[in-house]
Amino acid sequence: MADSQVMRFLRAAEQRLAAADLLLDNSKFLDGMYLAGYVVECSLKALVLSYIRVPERPEFLREHFRGQRAHDFEHLATLLLRNGVNIPKPLRLSVVRANDIWSTDLRYETGHGKVADSKFLRDAGEKILAWVQRSVI
């Protein structure tokens, strides 16, 4: 069973997925895409954190979960690889593509958004979240 810190990130990912679905169902593609990116981020962070011993977490969180790098999906995937986590190839490709289309800078964008990108990111987030939920140690 995952601990409370790991579960916090998983619950955040689940909540962001539900919110992204609501937005996408109402053709708010840019906003849905923005939240769907956080599904990927929170999911990856939950799994990374599950490999970090509790006494080491405060320093790890300060070093790796703050600043721009904390939102870089490929950085988070690298942290998983360093802990011996084998990310399935289809999910690894989704992480790379998601990293290419998502940014925290989306919070400043306006307009409709790209339907295909928003749907890809939403689906990638759902798949990554499901994998993480099965993989959390």
C-alpha atoms as a PDB file:
ATOM      1  CA  MET A   1       0.000   0.000   0.000  1.00  0.00           C
ATOM      2  CA  ALA A   2       1.345   3.410  -0.960  1.00  0.00           C
ATOM      3  CA  ASP A   3       2.000   5.946   1.763  1.00  0.00           C
ATOM      4  CA  SER A   4       0.171   9.230   2.244  1.00  0.00           C
ATOM      5  CA  GLN A   5       2.690  11.373   0.327  1.00  0.00           C
ATOM      6  CA  VAL A   6       2.490   9.096  -2.705  1.00  0.00           C
ATOM      7  CA  MET A   7      -1.295   8.876  -2.438  1.00  0.00           C
ATOM      8  CA  ARG A   8      -1.522  12.684  -2.387  1.00  0.00           C
ATOM      9  CA  PHE A   9       0.029  12.830  -5.857  1.00  0.00           C
ATOM     10  CA  LEU A  10      -2.181   9.987  -7.118  1.00  0.00           C
ATOM     11  CA  ARG A  11      -5.335  11.679  -5.826  1.00  0.00           C
ATOM     12  CA  ALA A  12      -4.245  14.941  -7.459  1.00  0.00           C
ATOM     13  CA  ALA A  13      -3.732  13.106 -10.767  1.00  0.00           C
ATOM     14  CA  GLU A  14      -7.174  11.497 -10.521  1.00  0.00           C
ATOM     15  CA  GLN A  15      -8.804  14.831  -9.712  1.00  0.00           C
ATOM     16  CA  ARG A  16      -7.039  16.613 -12.591  1.00  0.00           C
ATOM     17  CA  LEU A  17      -8.152  13.847 -14.973  1.00  0.00           C
ATOM     18  CA  ALA A  18     -11.779  14.279 -13.917  1.00  0.00           C
ATOM     19  CA  ALA A  19     -11.506  18.051 -14.359  1.00  0.00           C
ATOM     20  CA  ALA A  20      -9.805  17.674 -17.751  1.00  0.00           C
ATOM     21  CA  ASP A  21     -12.620  15.363 -18.874  1.00  0.00           C
ATOM     22  CA  LEU A  22     -15.227  17.920 -17.842  1.00  0.00           C
ATOM     23  CA  LEU A  23     -13.442  20.664 -19.761  1.00  0.00           C
ATOM     24  CA  LEU A  24     -12.826  18.544 -22.865  1.00  0.00           C
ATOM     25  CA  ASP A  25     -16.443  17.348 -22.876  1.00  0.00           C
ATOM     26  CA  ASN A  26     -17.397  21.027 -23.051  1.00  0.00           C
ATOM     27  CA  SER A  27     -14.961  21.862 -25.870  1.00  0.00           C
ATOM     28  CA  LYS A  28     -12.542  23.721 -23.584  1.00  0.00           C
ATOM     29  CA  PHE A  29      -9.566  22.063 -25.251  1.00  0.00           C
ATOM     30  CA  LEU A  30      -6.802  24.412 -24.141  1.00  0.00           C
ATOM     31  CA  ASP A  31      -7.879  24.310 -20.507  1.00  0.00           C
ATOM     32  CA  GLY A  32      -8.445  20.557 -20.627  1.00  0.00           C
ATOM     33  CA  MET A  33      -4.998  20.066 -22.109  1.00  0.00           C
ATOM     34  CA  TYR A  34      -3.437  22.176 -19.368  1.00  0.00           C
ATOM     35  CA  LEU A  35      -5.003  20.038 -16.643  1.00  0.00           C
ATOM     36  CA  ALA A  36      -4.288  16.791 -18.496  1.00  0.00           C
ATOM     37  CA  GLY A  37      -0.593  17.662 -18.368  1.00  0.00           C
ATOM     38  CA  TYR A  38      -0.794  17.677 -14.605  1.00  0.00           C
ATOM     39  CA  VAL A  39      -2.221  14.149 -14.722  1.00  0.00           C
ATOM     40  CA  VAL A  40       1.041  13.032 -16.352  1.00  0.00           C
ATOM     41  CA  GLU A  41       3.165  15.074 -13.960  1.00  0.00           C
ATOM     42  CA  CYS A  42       1.426  14.016 -10.748  1.00  0.00           C
ATOM     43  CA  SER A  43       1.352  10.374 -11.811  1.00  0.00           C
ATOM     44  CA  LEU A  44       5.068  10.279 -12.559  1.00  0.00           C
ATOM     45  CA  LYS A  45       5.868  12.120  -9.351  1.00  0.00           C
ATOM     46  CA  ALA A  46       3.847   9.607  -7.331  1.00  0.00           C
ATOM     47  CA  LEU A  47       5.841   6.716  -8.733  1.00  0.00           C
ATOM     48  CA  VAL A  48       9.178   8.491  -8.333  1.00  0.00           C
ATOM     49  CA  LEU A  49       8.349   9.330  -4.736  1.00  0.00           C
ATOM     50  CA  SER A  50       7.398   5.737  -3.971  1.00  0.00           C
ATOM     51  CA  TYR A  51      11.062   4.789  -4.556  1.00  0.00           C
ATOM     52  CA  ILE A  52      12.471   7.429  -2.221  1.00  0.00           C
ATOM     53  CA  ARG A  53      12.944   6.515   1.415  1.00  0.00           C
ATOM     54  CA  VAL A  54      10.828   8.666   3.725  1.00  0.00           C
ATOM     55  CA  PRO A  55      13.799  10.202   5.598  1.00  0.00           C
ATOM     56  CA  GLU A  56      15.342  11.286   2.269  1.00  0.00           C
ATOM     57  CA  ARG A  57      12.171  12.825   0.839  1.00  0.00           C
ATOM     58  CA  PRO A  58      12.387  16.415   2.127  1.00  0.00           C
ATOM     59  CA  GLU A  59      15.745  16.982   0.437  1.00  0.00           C
ATOM     60  CA  PHE A  60      14.666  15.027  -2.654  1.00  0.00           C
ATOM     61  CA  LEU A  61      11.485  17.085  -2.982  1.00  0.00           C
ATOM     62  CA  ARG A  62      13.452  20.338  -2.712  1.00  0.00           C
ATOM     63  CA  GLU A  63      15.985  19.176  -5.271  1.00  0.00           C
ATOM     64  CA  HIS A  64      13.738  17.501  -7.855  1.00  0.00           C
ATOM     65  CA  PHE A  65      10.131  18.665  -7.410  1.00  0.00           C
ATOM     66  CA  ARG A  66      10.663  22.431  -7.513  1.00  0.00           C
ATOM     67  CA  GLY A  67      11.279  24.855 -10.340  1.00  0.00           C
ATOM     68  CA  GLN A  68      10.854  24.344 -14.058  1.00  0.00           C
ATOM     69  CA  ARG A  69      12.575  20.944 -14.020  1.00  0.00           C
ATOM     70  CA  ALA A  70       9.829  19.624 -11.744  1.00  0.00           C
ATOM     71  CA  HIS A  71       7.369  20.000 -14.646  1.00  0.00           C
ATOM     72  CA  ASP A  72       9.625  18.253 -17.178  1.00  0.00           C
ATOM     73  CA  PHE A  73       8.135  14.822 -17.842  1.00  0.00           C
ATOM     74  CA  GLU A  74      11.365  13.498 -19.321  1.00  0.00           C
ATOM     75  CA  HIS A  75      13.258  14.542 -16.196  1.00  0.00           C
ATOM     76  CA  LEU A  76      10.720  12.629 -14.098  1.00  0.00           C
ATOM     77  CA  ALA A  77      11.068   9.610 -16.392  1.00  0.00           C
ATOM     78  CA  THR A  78      14.850   9.786 -15.959  1.00  0.00           C
ATOM     79  CA  LEU A  79      14.407   9.712 -12.193  1.00  0.00           C
ATOM     80  CA  LEU A  80      12.341   6.555 -12.597  1.00  0.00           C
ATOM     81  CA  LEU A  81      14.969   4.958 -14.822  1.00  0.00           C
ATOM     82  CA  ARG A  82      17.636   5.756 -12.209  1.00  0.00           C
ATOM     83  CA  ASN A  83      15.554   3.776  -9.727  1.00  0.00           C
ATOM     84  CA  GLY A  84      15.394   0.796 -12.051  1.00  0.00           C
ATOM     85  CA  VAL A  85      11.829   1.386 -13.230  1.00  0.00           C
ATOM     86  CA  ASN A  86      11.313   0.077 -16.737  1.00  0.00           C
ATOM     87  CA  ILE A  87       8.760   2.334 -18.400  1.00  0.00           C
ATOM     88  CA  PRO A  88       6.916   0.359 -21.085  1.00  0.00           C
ATOM     89  CA  LYS A  89       7.872   1.629 -24.538  1.00  0.00           C
ATOM     90  CA  PRO A  90       4.378   2.882 -25.536  1.00  0.00           C
ATOM     91  CA  LEU A  91       4.179   4.878 -22.303  1.00  0.00           C
ATOM     92  CA  ARG A  92       7.733   6.171 -22.700  1.00  0.00           C
ATOM     93  CA  LEU A  93       6.822   7.446 -26.166  1.00  0.00           C
ATOM     94  CA  SER A  94       3.710   9.067 -24.696  1.00  0.00           C
ATOM     95  CA  VAL A  95       5.833  10.782 -22.039  1.00  0.00           C
ATOM     96  CA  VAL A  96       8.152  12.177 -24.732  1.00  0.00           C
ATOM     97  CA  ARG A  97       5.303  13.448 -26.895  1.00  0.00           C
ATOM     98  CA  ALA A  98       3.420  14.846 -23.902  1.00  0.00           C
ATOM     99  CA  ASN A  99       6.562  16.696 -22.864  1.00  0.00           C
ATOM    100  CA  ASP A 100       6.759  18.212 -26.350  1.00  0.00           C
ATOM    101  CA  ILE A 101       3.190  19.552 -26.350  1.00  0.00           C
ATOM    102  CA  TRP A 102       2.644  20.515 -22.709  1.00  0.00           C
ATOM    103  CA  SER A 103       4.111  23.322 -20.669  1.00  0.00           C
ATOM    104  CA  THR A 104       3.169  25.308 -17.619  1.00  0.00           C
ATOM    105  CA  ASP A 105       3.202  28.269 -20.020  1.00  0.00           C
ATOM    106  CA  LEU A 106      -0.175  27.037 -21.292  1.00  0.00           C
ATOM    107  CA  ARG A 107      -1.672  28.837 -18.302  1.00  0.00           C
ATOM    108  CA  TYR A 108      -1.039  32.101 -20.157  1.00  0.00           C
ATOM    109  CA  GLU A 109      -2.433  30.953 -23.507  1.00  0.00           C
ATOM    110  CA  THR A 110      -5.847  31.914 -24.757  1.00  0.00           C
ATOM    111  CA  GLY A 111      -8.073  30.544 -27.451  1.00  0.00           C
ATOM    112  CA  HIS A 112      -9.571  27.226 -28.337  1.00  0.00           C
ATOM    113  CA  GLY A 113      -6.547  24.946 -28.231  1.00  0.00           C
ATOM    114  CA  LYS A 114      -5.639  22.025 -30.439  1.00  0.00           C
ATOM    115  CA  VAL A 115      -8.230  19.268 -30.241  1.00  0.00           C
ATOM    116  CA  ALA A 116      -5.830  16.472 -31.230  1.00  0.00           C
ATOM    117  CA  ASP A 117      -3.156  17.559 -28.742  1.00  0.00           C
ATOM    118  CA  SER A 118      -5.647  17.895 -25.921  1.00  0.00           C
ATOM    119  CA  LYS A 119      -7.145  14.470 -26.580  1.00  0.00           C
ATOM    120  CA  PHE A 120      -3.706  12.885 -26.886  1.00  0.00           C
ATOM    121  CA  LEU A 121      -2.572  14.408 -23.601  1.00  0.00           C
ATOM    122  CA  ARG A 122      -5.763  13.374 -21.835  1.00  0.00           C
ATOM    123  CA  ASP A 123      -5.476   9.781 -23.055  1.00  0.00           C
ATOM    124  CA  ALA A 124      -1.752   9.642 -22.276  1.00  0.00           C
ATOM    125  CA  GLY A 125      -2.476  10.918 -18.787  1.00  0.00           C
ATOM    126  CA  GLU A 126      -5.102   8.263 -18.209  1.00  0.00           C
ATOM    127  CA  LYS A 127      -2.791   5.458 -19.408  1.00  0.00           C
ATOM    128  CA  ILE A 128       0.183   6.710 -17.410  1.00  0.00           C
ATOM    129  CA  LEU A 129      -1.963   7.104 -14.290  1.00  0.00           C
ATOM    130  CA  ALA A 130      -3.314   3.558 -14.629  1.00  0.00           C
ATOM    131  CA  TRP A 131       0.220   2.178 -15.072  1.00  0.00           C
ATOM    132  CA  VAL A 132       1.465   4.114 -12.052  1.00  0.00           C
ATOM    133  CA  GLN A 133      -1.437   2.909  -9.913  1.00  0.00           C
ATOM    134  CA  ARG A 134      -0.448  -0.673 -10.763  1.00  0.00           C
ATOM    135  CA  SER A 135       3.260   0.035 -10.237  1.00  0.00           C
ATOM    136  CA  VAL A 136       3.403   2.032  -7.003  1.00  0.00           C
ATOM    137  CA  ILE A 137       5.464   0.144  -4.461  1.00  0.00           C
END
